[in-house]
Amino acid sequence: MRSLLAQKWFSVAVILIGASSYGLLSPTIKLAFQAGYSEGDITSVQVTMGTLVMWVLVLLTKEARRNPFTGPWIRLALIGIFGLSLTTVFYNRTLSELDASLSIVLLFQFTWITIVMECFAQRRLPTRSQGAAIVIVMAGTVLSVNLLSLGLERFTVMGLLYGLASAFTYSLFLFSAGRVKSEHHPFLKSAWMLTAGLMVIYAVYPPQFLIGGADGATGSLVLWGLLLGCLGQVVPTIAFLIGIPRTGSSLAAMTGAMELPVAVIGAFLLLGESIASVQWLGMGLILAGVVLSEAQISKQKQTSEAK
């Protein structure tokens, strides 16, 4: 019993690490933009370097050095294409249309979309605790970005559509990651999914840096790509592939909400953006929602074990 409990909390901690890494991505991308690089340059080099790092980890890990074209490799490739790469494309397009605060709010619709997907797959309605947790997290999201002080004129139709699309594809990744059973090492699964998604990234953002089409291709741009690739592709993908099969996609979605507080605090530390009192309240609500969701799942497990 203690072993199972320890494994569960370990999985939750791993997902928190992945979510925190992804949360740091937004303010770091802003720093890269301030350095003079375009959306296309940053996106293509980010995913490229993240994929290369993953394959290096595969080569350095004996257990991971296996033939990737075995098991559910097609399904893993589809998750990489529709879950990972399209989320990157849609979210970066959202950032080009809307403020970062509005973009994050739209992305964070993944919290309830993922739970709806799971309920649909299990042919059941969300529990009261799940519903309450969703409401608390979404209220915290609105407060965390101080959305109430922003005007509707800052929305655009395309920004809204891209933002909701990014939330849906991110939910698709969270939902699918724990449902594809594979004996492959998480490093190999991550590397294969990122490689499959790289084709979509190159179709949307041609890798000009590979042919010397971007300034700093052999220097600082590649270093930016290495940092962003680790934050956005390597750490979150590995963490979610390890944690989600043990926690389930619903709890993973709620735990993943930690991305927002980390993004807000990261913007404060890295960019000097101020944090209002209402934003601290919002981040507290997000934590409360995650705790409520985890408590309900733990209670359900204890009840089922007692029977």
Protein backbone atom coordinates (compact mmCIF):
# COMPACT_ATOMS: atom_id res chain seq x y z
CA MET A 1 0.00 0.00 0.00
CA ARG A 2 2.78 2.41 0.94
CA SER A 3 4.63 1.46 -2.22
CA LEU A 4 1.62 2.27 -4.40
CA LEU A 5 1.07 5.56 -2.57
CA ALA A 6 4.73 6.49 -3.00
CA GLN A 7 4.56 5.68 -6.73
CA LYS A 8 1.45 7.82 -7.12
CA TRP A 9 2.98 10.84 -5.42
CA PHE A 10 6.19 10.33 -7.37
CA SER A 11 4.16 10.42 -10.58
CA VAL A 12 2.37 13.60 -9.46
CA ALA A 13 5.75 15.19 -8.67
CA VAL A 14 7.10 14.20 -12.09
CA ILE A 15 4.11 15.78 -13.83
CA LEU A 16 4.60 18.93 -11.74
CA ILE A 17 8.21 19.09 -12.94
CA GLY A 18 7.07 18.74 -16.56
CA ALA A 19 4.36 21.37 -16.12
CA SER A 20 6.79 23.77 -14.44
CA SER A 21 9.28 23.34 -17.27
CA TYR A 22 6.57 24.09 -19.83
CA GLY A 23 5.48 27.07 -17.75
CA LEU A 24 8.98 28.57 -17.98
CA LEU A 25 8.83 28.29 -21.76
CA SER A 26 6.67 31.38 -22.40
CA PRO A 27 8.84 33.97 -20.60
CA THR A 28 11.97 32.37 -22.07
CA ILE A 29 10.53 32.64 -25.59
CA LYS A 30 9.84 36.31 -24.89
CA LEU A 31 13.52 36.75 -24.04
CA ALA A 32 14.43 35.10 -27.34
CA PHE A 33 12.09 37.47 -29.21
CA GLN A 34 13.75 40.40 -27.44
CA ALA A 35 17.08 39.09 -28.71
CA GLY A 36 15.82 39.69 -32.25
CA TYR A 37 14.72 36.26 -33.43
CA SER A 38 11.46 35.62 -35.26
CA GLU A 39 8.66 33.21 -34.40
CA GLY A 40 9.66 30.89 -37.25
CA ASP A 41 13.35 30.84 -36.31
CA ILE A 42 12.62 30.13 -32.66
CA THR A 43 9.99 27.44 -33.27
CA SER A 44 11.97 25.41 -35.79
CA VAL A 45 15.25 25.52 -33.86
CA GLN A 46 13.46 24.80 -30.57
CA VAL A 47 11.82 21.58 -31.77
CA THR A 48 14.92 20.53 -33.73
CA MET A 49 17.24 20.85 -30.76
CA GLY A 50 14.73 19.22 -28.44
CA THR A 51 14.49 16.23 -30.80
CA LEU A 52 18.28 15.97 -31.08
CA VAL A 53 18.67 16.04 -27.30
CA MET A 54 16.13 13.24 -26.98
CA TRP A 55 17.98 11.03 -29.46
CA VAL A 56 21.24 11.68 -27.61
CA LEU A 57 19.55 10.52 -24.42
CA VAL A 58 18.36 7.40 -26.26
CA LEU A 59 21.89 6.62 -27.44
CA LEU A 60 23.29 7.12 -23.93
CA THR A 61 20.66 4.88 -22.29
CA LYS A 62 21.11 1.17 -22.92
CA GLU A 63 17.50 0.30 -22.07
CA ALA A 64 16.25 2.83 -24.62
CA ARG A 65 18.30 1.62 -27.58
CA ARG A 66 15.64 -0.44 -29.34
CA ASN A 67 13.96 -0.49 -32.73
CA PRO A 68 11.33 2.31 -32.62
CA PHE A 69 9.31 0.65 -35.42
CA THR A 70 7.80 -1.91 -33.07
CA GLY A 71 4.74 -1.85 -30.86
CA PRO A 72 2.27 1.03 -31.30
CA TRP A 73 4.78 3.17 -33.20
CA ILE A 74 2.15 4.57 -35.58
CA ARG A 75 -0.05 5.72 -32.70
CA LEU A 76 2.94 7.30 -30.97
CA ALA A 77 3.79 9.12 -34.20
CA LEU A 78 0.22 10.42 -34.46
CA ILE A 79 0.41 11.69 -30.88
CA GLY A 80 3.62 13.48 -31.79
CA ILE A 81 2.03 15.06 -34.84
CA PHE A 82 -1.41 15.98 -33.52
CA GLY A 83 -0.58 16.37 -29.84
CA LEU A 84 2.91 17.86 -29.64
CA SER A 85 3.74 19.63 -32.89
CA LEU A 86 0.30 21.12 -33.57
CA THR A 87 0.14 22.46 -30.01
CA THR A 88 3.44 24.25 -30.63
CA VAL A 89 2.23 25.65 -33.97
CA PHE A 90 -1.19 26.77 -32.71
CA TYR A 91 0.13 28.27 -29.49
CA ASN A 92 2.89 30.23 -31.22
CA ARG A 93 0.31 31.54 -33.69
CA THR A 94 -1.87 32.54 -30.74
CA LEU A 95 1.04 34.47 -29.23
CA SER A 96 1.46 36.33 -32.51
CA GLU A 97 -2.21 37.38 -32.44
CA LEU A 98 -2.89 38.02 -28.74
CA ASP A 99 -1.19 39.11 -25.56
CA ALA A 100 0.62 36.40 -23.65
CA SER A 101 -1.97 36.61 -20.84
CA LEU A 102 -4.89 35.98 -23.16
CA SER A 103 -2.99 33.22 -24.95
CA ILE A 104 -2.38 31.39 -21.68
CA VAL A 105 -6.03 31.65 -20.69
CA LEU A 106 -7.08 30.04 -23.97
CA LEU A 107 -4.45 27.30 -23.71
CA PHE A 108 -5.63 26.53 -20.19
CA GLN A 109 -8.99 25.38 -21.47
CA PHE A 110 -7.18 22.03 -21.72
CA THR A 111 -8.02 21.45 -18.03
CA TRP A 112 -11.71 20.87 -18.65
CA ILE A 113 -11.37 19.60 -22.24
CA THR A 114 -9.17 16.72 -21.06
CA ILE A 115 -11.63 15.74 -18.33
CA VAL A 116 -14.50 15.85 -20.85
CA MET A 117 -12.49 13.59 -23.18
CA GLU A 118 -11.92 11.10 -20.36
CA CYS A 119 -15.56 11.16 -19.29
CA PHE A 120 -16.65 10.62 -22.90
CA ALA A 121 -14.26 7.67 -23.26
CA GLN A 122 -15.54 6.14 -20.02
CA ARG A 123 -19.15 7.01 -20.85
CA ARG A 124 -19.82 8.82 -17.61
CA LEU A 125 -20.48 12.33 -16.35
CA PRO A 126 -17.87 14.33 -14.41
CA THR A 127 -18.13 13.91 -10.64
CA ARG A 128 -19.12 16.84 -8.44
CA SER A 129 -15.56 17.11 -7.15
CA GLN A 130 -14.20 17.17 -10.71
CA GLY A 131 -16.68 19.87 -11.63
CA ALA A 132 -15.77 21.91 -8.56
CA ALA A 133 -12.06 21.48 -9.26
CA ILE A 134 -12.52 22.64 -12.86
CA VAL A 135 -14.42 25.75 -11.74
CA ILE A 136 -11.80 26.58 -9.10
CA VAL A 137 -8.89 26.13 -11.52
CA MET A 138 -10.53 28.20 -14.26
CA ALA A 139 -11.39 30.97 -11.78
CA GLY A 140 -7.78 30.89 -10.63
CA THR A 141 -6.63 31.07 -14.24
CA VAL A 142 -8.67 34.20 -14.90
CA LEU A 143 -7.34 35.87 -11.76
CA SER A 144 -3.74 34.72 -12.28
CA VAL A 145 -3.45 36.64 -15.55
CA ASN A 146 -5.59 39.52 -14.23
CA LEU A 147 -7.95 38.95 -17.15
CA LEU A 148 -10.72 41.05 -15.59
CA SER A 149 -8.66 44.19 -16.18
CA LEU A 150 -8.27 43.51 -19.91
CA GLY A 151 -10.68 44.78 -22.56
CA LEU A 152 -12.44 42.64 -25.15
CA GLU A 153 -10.85 44.73 -27.90
CA ARG A 154 -7.61 42.86 -27.27
CA PHE A 155 -9.16 39.66 -28.67
CA THR A 156 -9.07 38.73 -32.36
CA VAL A 157 -11.11 36.02 -34.04
CA MET A 158 -8.05 34.19 -35.37
CA GLY A 159 -6.28 34.49 -32.03
CA LEU A 160 -9.31 32.98 -30.31
CA LEU A 161 -9.48 30.11 -32.80
CA TYR A 162 -5.75 29.36 -32.60
CA GLY A 163 -5.84 29.49 -28.80
CA LEU A 164 -8.73 27.06 -28.52
CA ALA A 165 -7.06 24.81 -31.10
CA SER A 166 -3.90 24.73 -28.99
CA ALA A 167 -5.98 23.79 -25.92
CA PHE A 168 -7.65 20.96 -27.84
CA THR A 169 -4.41 19.49 -29.23
CA TYR A 170 -2.72 19.76 -25.82
CA SER A 171 -5.69 17.93 -24.29
CA LEU A 172 -5.35 15.32 -27.02
CA PHE A 173 -1.74 14.74 -25.98
CA LEU A 174 -2.58 14.46 -22.27
CA PHE A 175 -5.50 12.15 -22.99
CA SER A 176 -3.60 9.91 -25.40
CA ALA A 177 -0.24 9.72 -23.62
CA GLY A 178 -1.54 7.47 -20.87
CA ARG A 179 -3.63 5.26 -23.14
CA VAL A 180 -1.01 4.00 -25.57
CA LYS A 181 0.62 1.00 -23.92
CA SER A 182 4.22 0.47 -25.01
CA GLU A 183 7.19 -1.34 -23.54
CA HIS A 184 9.56 1.21 -25.00
CA HIS A 185 11.64 3.38 -22.68
CA PRO A 186 10.18 6.89 -22.15
CA PHE A 187 13.28 8.36 -23.84
CA LEU A 188 12.64 6.36 -27.01
CA LYS A 189 8.92 7.13 -27.04
CA SER A 190 9.63 10.85 -26.58
CA ALA A 191 12.27 10.87 -29.30
CA TRP A 192 10.02 9.08 -31.75
CA MET A 193 7.01 11.35 -31.11
CA LEU A 194 9.13 14.49 -31.46
CA THR A 195 10.66 13.19 -34.69
CA ALA A 196 7.23 12.53 -36.18
CA GLY A 197 6.04 15.98 -35.15
CA LEU A 198 9.13 17.62 -36.58
CA MET A 199 7.78 17.07 -40.10
CA VAL A 200 4.78 19.28 -39.33
CA ILE A 201 6.99 21.95 -37.75
CA TYR A 202 9.23 22.08 -40.84
CA ALA A 203 6.18 22.32 -43.12
CA VAL A 204 4.92 25.38 -41.23
CA TYR A 205 8.29 26.87 -40.24
CA PRO A 206 11.01 25.88 -42.76
CA PRO A 207 14.31 25.39 -40.87
CA GLN A 208 16.20 28.32 -42.33
CA PHE A 209 18.83 28.03 -39.62
CA LEU A 210 19.97 24.69 -41.08
CA ILE A 211 20.97 26.36 -44.34
CA GLY A 212 22.34 29.52 -42.80
CA GLY A 213 19.21 31.55 -43.47
CA ALA A 214 19.07 33.06 -40.00
CA ASP A 215 21.65 35.20 -38.25
CA GLY A 216 23.41 33.42 -35.43
CA ALA A 217 22.52 29.98 -36.80
CA THR A 218 25.85 28.60 -35.72
CA GLY A 219 25.87 30.37 -32.40
CA SER A 220 23.33 32.02 -30.17
CA LEU A 221 20.21 30.86 -32.06
CA VAL A 222 21.21 27.22 -31.62
CA LEU A 223 21.87 27.88 -27.92
CA TRP A 224 18.43 29.43 -27.60
CA GLY A 225 17.01 26.39 -29.37
CA LEU A 226 18.81 24.07 -26.97
CA LEU A 227 17.38 25.87 -23.94
CA LEU A 228 13.86 26.14 -25.35
CA GLY A 229 13.93 22.57 -26.65
CA CYS A 230 14.76 21.24 -23.19
CA LEU A 231 12.09 23.39 -21.52
CA GLY A 232 9.35 22.80 -24.09
CA GLN A 233 10.02 19.38 -25.57
CA VAL A 234 12.47 17.24 -23.59
CA VAL A 235 11.52 17.68 -19.92
CA PRO A 236 7.70 17.93 -20.30
CA THR A 237 7.41 15.06 -22.78
CA ILE A 238 9.48 12.67 -20.66
CA ALA A 239 7.74 13.75 -17.46
CA PHE A 240 4.24 13.32 -18.88
CA LEU A 241 5.02 9.94 -20.45
CA ILE A 242 6.30 8.71 -17.08
CA GLY A 243 3.60 10.25 -14.89
CA ILE A 244 0.35 10.18 -16.86
CA PRO A 245 0.03 6.36 -17.18
CA ARG A 246 0.12 6.18 -13.37
CA THR A 247 -2.15 9.13 -12.55
CA GLY A 248 -4.62 9.20 -15.43
CA SER A 249 -5.24 12.08 -17.81
CA SER A 250 -7.80 13.89 -15.62
CA LEU A 251 -5.45 14.33 -12.66
CA ALA A 252 -2.60 15.08 -15.08
CA ALA A 253 -4.65 17.92 -16.58
CA MET A 254 -5.34 19.41 -13.17
CA THR A 255 -1.71 19.00 -12.07
CA GLY A 256 -0.59 20.50 -15.37
CA ALA A 257 -2.40 23.69 -14.38
CA MET A 258 0.74 24.50 -12.40
CA GLU A 259 2.14 25.75 -15.70
CA LEU A 260 0.34 29.06 -15.25
CA PRO A 261 1.69 30.07 -11.81
CA VAL A 262 5.18 29.11 -12.97
CA ALA A 263 4.74 31.18 -16.14
CA VAL A 264 3.56 34.21 -14.13
CA ILE A 265 6.39 33.92 -11.60
CA GLY A 266 8.88 33.29 -14.43
CA ALA A 267 7.74 36.47 -16.16
CA PHE A 268 8.24 38.32 -12.87
CA LEU A 269 11.77 36.98 -12.38
CA LEU A 270 12.99 36.97 -15.99
CA LEU A 271 11.11 39.88 -17.54
CA GLY A 272 10.46 42.10 -14.53
CA GLU A 273 6.67 41.96 -14.99
CA SER A 274 4.71 42.89 -11.88
CA ILE A 275 2.36 40.52 -10.06
CA ALA A 276 -0.83 42.03 -8.61
CA SER A 277 -2.43 40.78 -5.41
CA VAL A 278 -5.33 39.29 -7.34
CA GLN A 279 -2.86 37.19 -9.32
CA TRP A 280 -1.47 35.65 -6.13
CA LEU A 281 -5.05 34.79 -5.18
CA GLY A 282 -5.56 33.17 -8.56
CA MET A 283 -2.45 31.04 -8.20
CA GLY A 284 -3.68 29.94 -4.77
CA LEU A 285 -6.99 28.87 -6.30
CA ILE A 286 -5.20 26.80 -8.93
CA LEU A 287 -3.30 24.97 -6.19
CA ALA A 288 -6.56 24.42 -4.32
CA GLY A 289 -8.18 22.97 -7.43
CA VAL A 290 -5.29 20.55 -7.95
CA VAL A 291 -5.45 19.43 -4.31
CA LEU A 292 -9.23 18.93 -4.51
CA SER A 293 -8.91 16.84 -7.67
CA GLU A 294 -6.14 14.69 -6.14
CA ALA A 295 -8.10 14.21 -2.89
CA GLN A 296 -11.15 12.97 -4.80
CA ILE A 297 -9.12 10.48 -6.83
CA SER A 298 -7.39 9.19 -3.69
CA LYS A 299 -10.79 8.75 -2.00
CA GLN A 300 -12.14 6.81 -4.97
CA LYS A 301 -9.12 4.50 -4.96
CA GLN A 302 -9.44 3.83 -1.23
CA THR A 303 -13.14 3.04 -1.64
CA SER A 304 -12.49 0.61 -4.50
CA GLU A 305 -9.68 -1.11 -2.57
CA ALA A 306 -11.93 -1.48 0.49
CA LYS A 307 -14.50 -3.32 -1.61
